[in-house]
Amino acid sequence: MPDMPKSYNQTLSAALDELIQSGYTCNFIKKNEFLFCTDREMNFRSYELNISEKFRYENKKEPSQNSVVYAVESPEYGLKGFLVS
């Protein structure tokens, strides 16, 4: 996996739709020291998950709205999801 996220030429919402269609359905949020899967109400520590891809979305007009989307997988539980930061 490269150190820097890939830049994506589509919108953030279109990328999320594409990830969901590819089976990345769990919405992860950062919750204290855990990543929380909202769909299954499960907490994960960072070492329990793999980042399979990441994409950077830059808003040149509004830099405070830059985002990174991570495609996240849990091999142990067979979960695939995404984290937006």
C-alpha atoms as a PDB file:
ATOM      1  CA  MET A   1       0.000   0.000   0.000  1.00  0.00           C
ATOM      2  CA  PRO A   2       1.423   3.424  -0.886  1.00  0.00           C
ATOM      3  CA  ASP A   3       2.163   5.925   1.877  1.00  0.00           C
ATOM      4  CA  MET A   4       0.053   8.681   0.352  1.00  0.00           C
ATOM      5  CA  PRO A   5      -3.623   8.283  -0.499  1.00  0.00           C
ATOM      6  CA  LYS A   6      -4.624   8.122  -4.131  1.00  0.00           C
ATOM      7  CA  SER A   7      -6.372  11.162  -5.558  1.00  0.00           C
ATOM      8  CA  TYR A   8      -9.751  10.289  -6.963  1.00  0.00           C
ATOM      9  CA  ASN A   9     -11.359  12.078  -9.895  1.00  0.00           C
ATOM     10  CA  GLN A  10     -14.937  11.413  -8.808  1.00  0.00           C
ATOM     11  CA  THR A  11     -16.934  12.912  -5.983  1.00  0.00           C
ATOM     12  CA  LEU A  12     -16.719  11.607  -2.452  1.00  0.00           C
ATOM     13  CA  SER A  13     -20.313  10.367  -2.518  1.00  0.00           C
ATOM     14  CA  ALA A  14     -19.752   8.560  -5.843  1.00  0.00           C
ATOM     15  CA  ALA A  15     -16.665   6.833  -4.410  1.00  0.00           C
ATOM     16  CA  LEU A  16     -18.615   5.746  -1.326  1.00  0.00           C
ATOM     17  CA  ASP A  17     -21.395   4.377  -3.548  1.00  0.00           C
ATOM     18  CA  GLU A  18     -18.794   2.421  -5.524  1.00  0.00           C
ATOM     19  CA  LEU A  19     -17.248   1.009  -2.329  1.00  0.00           C
ATOM     20  CA  ILE A  20     -20.682  -0.034  -1.039  1.00  0.00           C
ATOM     21  CA  GLN A  21     -21.460  -1.768  -4.343  1.00  0.00           C
ATOM     22  CA  SER A  22     -18.115  -3.605  -3.962  1.00  0.00           C
ATOM     23  CA  GLY A  23     -19.156  -4.973  -0.582  1.00  0.00           C
ATOM     24  CA  TYR A  24     -17.645  -2.316   1.714  1.00  0.00           C
ATOM     25  CA  THR A  25     -20.885  -1.784   3.603  1.00  0.00           C
ATOM     26  CA  CYS A  26     -19.896  -1.119   7.236  1.00  0.00           C
ATOM     27  CA  ASN A  27     -19.623   2.533   8.171  1.00  0.00           C
ATOM     28  CA  PHE A  28     -16.673   2.909  10.562  1.00  0.00           C
ATOM     29  CA  ILE A  29     -16.295   5.918  12.832  1.00  0.00           C
ATOM     30  CA  LYS A  30     -13.448   6.797  15.161  1.00  0.00           C
ATOM     31  CA  LYS A  31     -14.617   6.389  18.740  1.00  0.00           C
ATOM     32  CA  ASN A  32     -11.936   7.009  21.378  1.00  0.00           C
ATOM     33  CA  GLU A  33      -9.149   4.500  20.689  1.00  0.00           C
ATOM     34  CA  PHE A  34     -11.432   2.252  18.610  1.00  0.00           C
ATOM     35  CA  LEU A  35     -12.938   2.143  15.149  1.00  0.00           C
ATOM     36  CA  PHE A  36     -16.627   1.458  15.594  1.00  0.00           C
ATOM     37  CA  CYS A  37     -18.677  -0.350  12.922  1.00  0.00           C
ATOM     38  CA  THR A  38     -22.075   1.329  13.182  1.00  0.00           C
ATOM     39  CA  ASP A  39     -23.865  -1.421  11.240  1.00  0.00           C
ATOM     40  CA  ARG A  40     -22.831  -4.243  13.559  1.00  0.00           C
ATOM     41  CA  GLU A  41     -22.199  -2.146  16.685  1.00  0.00           C
ATOM     42  CA  MET A  42     -18.697  -3.584  17.076  1.00  0.00           C
ATOM     43  CA  ASN A  43     -15.475  -1.921  18.259  1.00  0.00           C
ATOM     44  CA  PHE A  44     -12.151  -2.732  16.636  1.00  0.00           C
ATOM     45  CA  ARG A  45      -8.604  -1.808  17.553  1.00  0.00           C
ATOM     46  CA  SER A  46      -6.391  -0.661  14.698  1.00  0.00           C
ATOM     47  CA  TYR A  47      -4.375  -3.894  14.655  1.00  0.00           C
ATOM     48  CA  GLU A  48      -7.587  -5.897  14.022  1.00  0.00           C
ATOM     49  CA  LEU A  49      -8.262  -4.135  10.701  1.00  0.00           C
ATOM     50  CA  ASN A  50      -6.542  -3.821   7.350  1.00  0.00           C
ATOM     51  CA  ILE A  51      -6.684  -0.764   5.121  1.00  0.00           C
ATOM     52  CA  SER A  52      -7.044  -2.078   1.583  1.00  0.00           C
ATOM     53  CA  GLU A  53      -7.225   1.312  -0.168  1.00  0.00           C
ATOM     54  CA  LYS A  54      -7.286   4.990   0.632  1.00  0.00           C
ATOM     55  CA  PHE A  55      -8.286   7.992  -1.430  1.00  0.00           C
ATOM     56  CA  ARG A  56      -7.782  11.717  -0.884  1.00  0.00           C
ATOM     57  CA  TYR A  57     -10.435  14.225  -1.874  1.00  0.00           C
ATOM     58  CA  GLU A  58      -9.261  17.812  -2.055  1.00  0.00           C
ATOM     59  CA  ASN A  59     -11.498  20.845  -2.213  1.00  0.00           C
ATOM     60  CA  LYS A  60      -9.296  23.580  -3.636  1.00  0.00           C
ATOM     61  CA  LYS A  61     -11.886  26.266  -2.881  1.00  0.00           C
ATOM     62  CA  GLU A  62     -12.461  25.091   0.699  1.00  0.00           C
ATOM     63  CA  PRO A  63      -9.349  23.251   2.046  1.00  0.00           C
ATOM     64  CA  SER A  64     -11.040  22.659   5.410  1.00  0.00           C
ATOM     65  CA  GLN A  65     -13.379  20.250   3.590  1.00  0.00           C
ATOM     66  CA  ASN A  66     -10.591  17.911   2.410  1.00  0.00           C
ATOM     67  CA  SER A  67     -11.315  14.247   3.161  1.00  0.00           C
ATOM     68  CA  VAL A  68      -9.635  10.870   3.093  1.00  0.00           C
ATOM     69  CA  VAL A  69     -11.671   7.700   2.512  1.00  0.00           C
ATOM     70  CA  TYR A  70     -10.255   4.430   3.801  1.00  0.00           C
ATOM     71  CA  ALA A  71     -11.492   1.041   2.569  1.00  0.00           C
ATOM     72  CA  VAL A  72     -11.246  -1.109   5.720  1.00  0.00           C
ATOM     73  CA  GLU A  73     -11.439  -4.887   6.164  1.00  0.00           C
ATOM     74  CA  SER A  74     -11.616  -7.260   9.123  1.00  0.00           C
ATOM     75  CA  PRO A  75     -10.424 -10.682   7.947  1.00  0.00           C
ATOM     76  CA  GLU A  76     -11.366 -12.264  11.272  1.00  0.00           C
ATOM     77  CA  TYR A  77     -15.021 -11.197  11.058  1.00  0.00           C
ATOM     78  CA  GLY A  78     -15.353 -11.019   7.275  1.00  0.00           C
ATOM     79  CA  LEU A  79     -16.347  -7.334   7.418  1.00  0.00           C
ATOM     80  CA  LYS A  80     -15.632  -4.731   4.792  1.00  0.00           C
ATOM     81  CA  GLY A  81     -16.356  -1.073   5.279  1.00  0.00           C
ATOM     82  CA  PHE A  82     -15.156   2.478   5.007  1.00  0.00           C
ATOM     83  CA  LEU A  83     -13.933   5.294   7.211  1.00  0.00           C
ATOM     84  CA  VAL A  84     -14.142   8.943   6.155  1.00  0.00           C
ATOM     85  CA  SER A  85     -11.851  11.397   7.903  1.00  0.00           C
END
